Each structure stands twice: as structure tokens, then as C-alpha cells.
């Protein structure tokens, strides 16, 4: 009897970040502002994506 295997794509990805930036993020983590580097990076990406999205909407409205 054969069993089917489901291959799932990973939910996480790795990125390379300059050490100087990681040092700053680690400082914020130590100060208690963030629980982890991952939390900081996730928030930073989310905020930047929101910013880019808003910019694209405004640009599209101006083109009309």
C-alpha cells in the first residue's frame, strides 16, 4: 500500500541583512521594543508594503 506525501512550501524565508542593521535591531530587542529580530523585520516589511501600496493607489488616482 502506498502513501501519498504532501509537499508544502515553507512558510518562512531567509534574507541577508547587513551586520550594522542587525546590531541596531538587536539593540531595540534588548530594550524590549521588540521580542525578536524576526518580529522587527516582519513589522518593517509589513509597514513598507503598506506604504508602497498607498503610494501606488495615489499614483493611479493622479493618472486618471
N, C-alpha and C. Protein backbone atom coordinates (compact mmCIF):
# COMPACT_ATOMS: atom_id res chain seq x y z
N UNK A 1 0.84 -1.17 0.00
CA UNK A 1 0.00 0.00 0.00
C UNK A 1 0.89 1.24 0.00
N UNK A 2 0.63 2.17 -0.92
CA UNK A 2 1.45 3.38 -0.98
C UNK A 2 0.76 4.51 -0.23
N UNK A 3 1.57 5.38 0.29
CA UNK A 3 1.02 6.54 0.98
C UNK A 3 1.37 7.79 0.19
N UNK A 4 0.43 8.69 0.11
CA UNK A 4 0.67 9.95 -0.60
C UNK A 4 1.42 10.90 0.32
N UNK A 5 2.36 11.62 -0.26
CA UNK A 5 3.09 12.62 0.50
C UNK A 5 2.71 14.00 -0.01
N UNK A 6 2.42 14.87 0.91
CA UNK A 6 2.09 16.24 0.55
C UNK A 6 3.32 17.10 0.80
N UNK A 7 3.77 17.77 -0.23
CA UNK A 7 4.92 18.65 -0.10
C UNK A 7 4.40 20.07 0.04
N UNK A 8 4.72 20.69 1.14
CA UNK A 8 4.27 22.05 1.37
C UNK A 8 5.44 23.00 1.19
N UNK A 9 5.13 24.18 0.66
CA UNK A 9 6.18 25.18 0.54
C UNK A 9 6.42 25.78 1.91
N UNK A 10 7.64 26.11 2.22
CA UNK A 10 7.96 26.69 3.53
C UNK A 10 7.23 28.01 3.74
N UNK A 11 6.84 28.24 4.98
CA UNK A 11 6.17 29.50 5.32
C UNK A 11 7.17 30.59 5.66
N UNK A 12 8.42 30.23 5.80
CA UNK A 12 9.46 31.18 6.18
C UNK A 12 10.52 31.25 5.09
N UNK A 13 11.12 32.40 4.95
CA UNK A 13 12.24 32.60 4.03
C UNK A 13 13.37 33.27 4.80
N UNK A 14 14.57 33.11 4.29
CA UNK A 14 15.75 33.74 4.90
C UNK A 14 16.17 34.90 4.02
N UNK A 15 16.69 35.93 4.65
CA UNK A 15 17.24 37.07 3.92
C UNK A 15 18.57 37.44 4.56
N UNK A 16 19.41 38.07 3.78
CA UNK A 16 20.69 38.57 4.30
C UNK A 16 20.54 40.04 4.63
N UNK A 17 21.02 40.41 5.81
CA UNK A 17 20.92 41.79 6.27
C UNK A 17 22.30 42.21 6.78
N UNK A 18 22.68 43.42 6.44
CA UNK A 18 23.99 43.91 6.89
C UNK A 18 24.09 43.88 8.41
N UNK A 19 25.28 43.53 8.89
CA UNK A 19 25.51 43.40 10.33
C UNK A 19 25.17 44.68 11.09
N UNK A 20 25.46 45.82 10.49
CA UNK A 20 25.18 47.09 11.17
C UNK A 20 23.69 47.24 11.45
N UNK A 21 22.86 46.81 10.51
CA UNK A 21 21.41 46.89 10.71
C UNK A 21 20.95 45.90 11.78
N UNK A 22 21.51 44.70 11.74
CA UNK A 22 21.16 43.69 12.75
C UNK A 22 21.56 44.18 14.14
N UNK A 23 22.71 44.83 14.24
CA UNK A 23 23.14 45.37 15.54
C UNK A 23 22.13 46.36 16.08
N UNK A 24 21.61 47.23 15.21
CA UNK A 24 20.61 48.21 15.64
C UNK A 24 19.31 47.53 16.06
N UNK A 25 18.91 46.52 15.30
CA UNK A 25 17.70 45.78 15.63
C UNK A 25 17.87 45.05 16.97
N UNK A 26 19.03 44.43 17.16
CA UNK A 26 19.30 43.73 18.43
C UNK A 26 19.24 44.69 19.61
N UNK A 27 19.70 45.91 19.39
CA UNK A 27 19.64 46.93 20.46
C UNK A 27 18.18 47.19 20.84
N UNK A 28 17.31 47.31 19.84
CA UNK A 28 15.89 47.54 20.10
C UNK A 28 15.24 46.35 20.79
N UNK A 29 15.68 45.15 20.41
CA UNK A 29 15.15 43.95 21.07
C UNK A 29 15.57 43.94 22.54
N UNK A 30 16.83 44.27 22.81
CA UNK A 30 17.32 44.30 24.20
C UNK A 30 16.60 45.35 25.03
N UNK A 31 16.19 46.44 24.38
CA UNK A 31 15.45 47.50 25.09
C UNK A 31 13.99 47.09 25.34
N UNK A 32 13.58 45.99 24.76
CA UNK A 32 12.23 45.50 24.98
C UNK A 32 11.19 46.00 24.00
N UNK A 33 11.63 46.73 22.98
CA UNK A 33 10.68 47.27 22.00
C UNK A 33 10.12 46.16 21.12
N UNK A 34 10.94 45.14 20.84
CA UNK A 34 10.52 44.00 20.03
C UNK A 34 10.92 42.73 20.76
N UNK A 35 10.19 41.65 20.50
CA UNK A 35 10.50 40.37 21.14
C UNK A 35 11.65 39.66 20.43
N UNK A 36 11.83 39.95 19.15
CA UNK A 36 12.87 39.25 18.39
C UNK A 36 13.21 40.03 17.13
N UNK A 37 14.32 39.64 16.51
CA UNK A 37 14.70 40.23 15.22
C UNK A 37 13.63 39.92 14.19
N UNK A 38 13.11 38.70 14.22
CA UNK A 38 12.06 38.31 13.26
C UNK A 38 10.83 39.19 13.38
N UNK A 39 10.45 39.51 14.61
CA UNK A 39 9.28 40.38 14.81
C UNK A 39 9.55 41.77 14.21
N UNK A 40 10.73 42.31 14.45
CA UNK A 40 11.08 43.62 13.90
C UNK A 40 11.03 43.60 12.38
N UNK A 41 11.67 42.60 11.78
CA UNK A 41 11.75 42.52 10.32
C UNK A 41 10.35 42.34 9.73
N UNK A 42 9.54 41.49 10.33
CA UNK A 42 8.17 41.29 9.84
C UNK A 42 7.37 42.59 9.88
N UNK A 43 7.49 43.33 10.98
CA UNK A 43 6.78 44.61 11.08
C UNK A 43 7.30 45.62 10.06
N UNK A 44 8.62 45.67 9.91
CA UNK A 44 9.21 46.61 8.96
C UNK A 44 8.74 46.31 7.53
N UNK A 45 8.70 45.05 7.17
CA UNK A 45 8.25 44.67 5.83
C UNK A 45 6.78 45.01 5.65
N UNK A 46 5.97 44.68 6.65
CA UNK A 46 4.53 44.97 6.57
C UNK A 46 4.28 46.47 6.40
N UNK A 47 4.97 47.28 7.19
CA UNK A 47 4.80 48.73 7.10
C UNK A 47 5.24 49.26 5.74
N UNK A 48 6.35 48.74 5.24
CA UNK A 48 6.84 49.19 3.93
C UNK A 48 5.89 48.78 2.82
N UNK A 49 5.34 47.57 2.90
CA UNK A 49 4.37 47.13 1.89
C UNK A 49 3.12 48.01 1.91
N UNK A 50 2.66 48.38 3.10
CA UNK A 50 1.52 49.30 3.21
C UNK A 50 1.85 50.64 2.56
N UNK A 51 3.04 51.14 2.81
CA UNK A 51 3.48 52.41 2.27
C UNK A 51 3.54 52.36 0.74
N UNK A 52 4.10 51.31 0.21
CA UNK A 52 4.20 51.17 -1.25
C UNK A 52 2.81 51.05 -1.86
N UNK A 53 1.94 50.29 -1.22
CA UNK A 53 0.57 50.11 -1.72
C UNK A 53 -0.16 51.45 -1.77
N UNK A 54 -0.07 52.24 -0.72
CA UNK A 54 -0.72 53.55 -0.68
C UNK A 54 -0.16 54.46 -1.76
N UNK A 55 1.15 54.41 -1.94
CA UNK A 55 1.79 55.22 -2.96
C UNK A 55 1.29 54.85 -4.35
N UNK A 56 1.13 53.55 -4.60
CA UNK A 56 0.65 53.09 -5.89
C UNK A 56 -0.80 53.54 -6.14
N UNK A 57 -1.62 53.51 -5.10
CA UNK A 57 -3.02 53.94 -5.22
C UNK A 57 -3.06 55.43 -5.54
N UNK A 58 -2.28 56.23 -4.82
CA UNK A 58 -2.24 57.67 -5.06
C UNK A 58 -1.75 57.97 -6.47
N UNK A 59 -0.74 57.25 -6.91
CA UNK A 59 -0.21 57.44 -8.26
C UNK A 59 -1.27 57.10 -9.30
N UNK A 60 -2.00 56.03 -9.10
CA UNK A 60 -3.05 55.63 -10.04
C UNK A 60 -4.17 56.67 -10.08
N UNK A 61 -4.50 57.24 -8.92
CA UNK A 61 -5.54 58.26 -8.87
C UNK A 61 -5.10 59.54 -9.58
N UNK A 62 -3.84 59.87 -9.46
CA UNK A 62 -3.32 61.07 -10.12
C UNK A 62 -3.26 60.89 -11.63
N UNK A 63 -3.10 59.67 -12.10
CA UNK A 63 -3.03 59.40 -13.53
C UNK A 63 -4.40 59.46 -14.20
N UNK A 64 -5.45 59.46 -13.42
CA UNK A 64 -6.80 59.47 -14.00
C UNK A 64 -7.19 60.84 -14.49
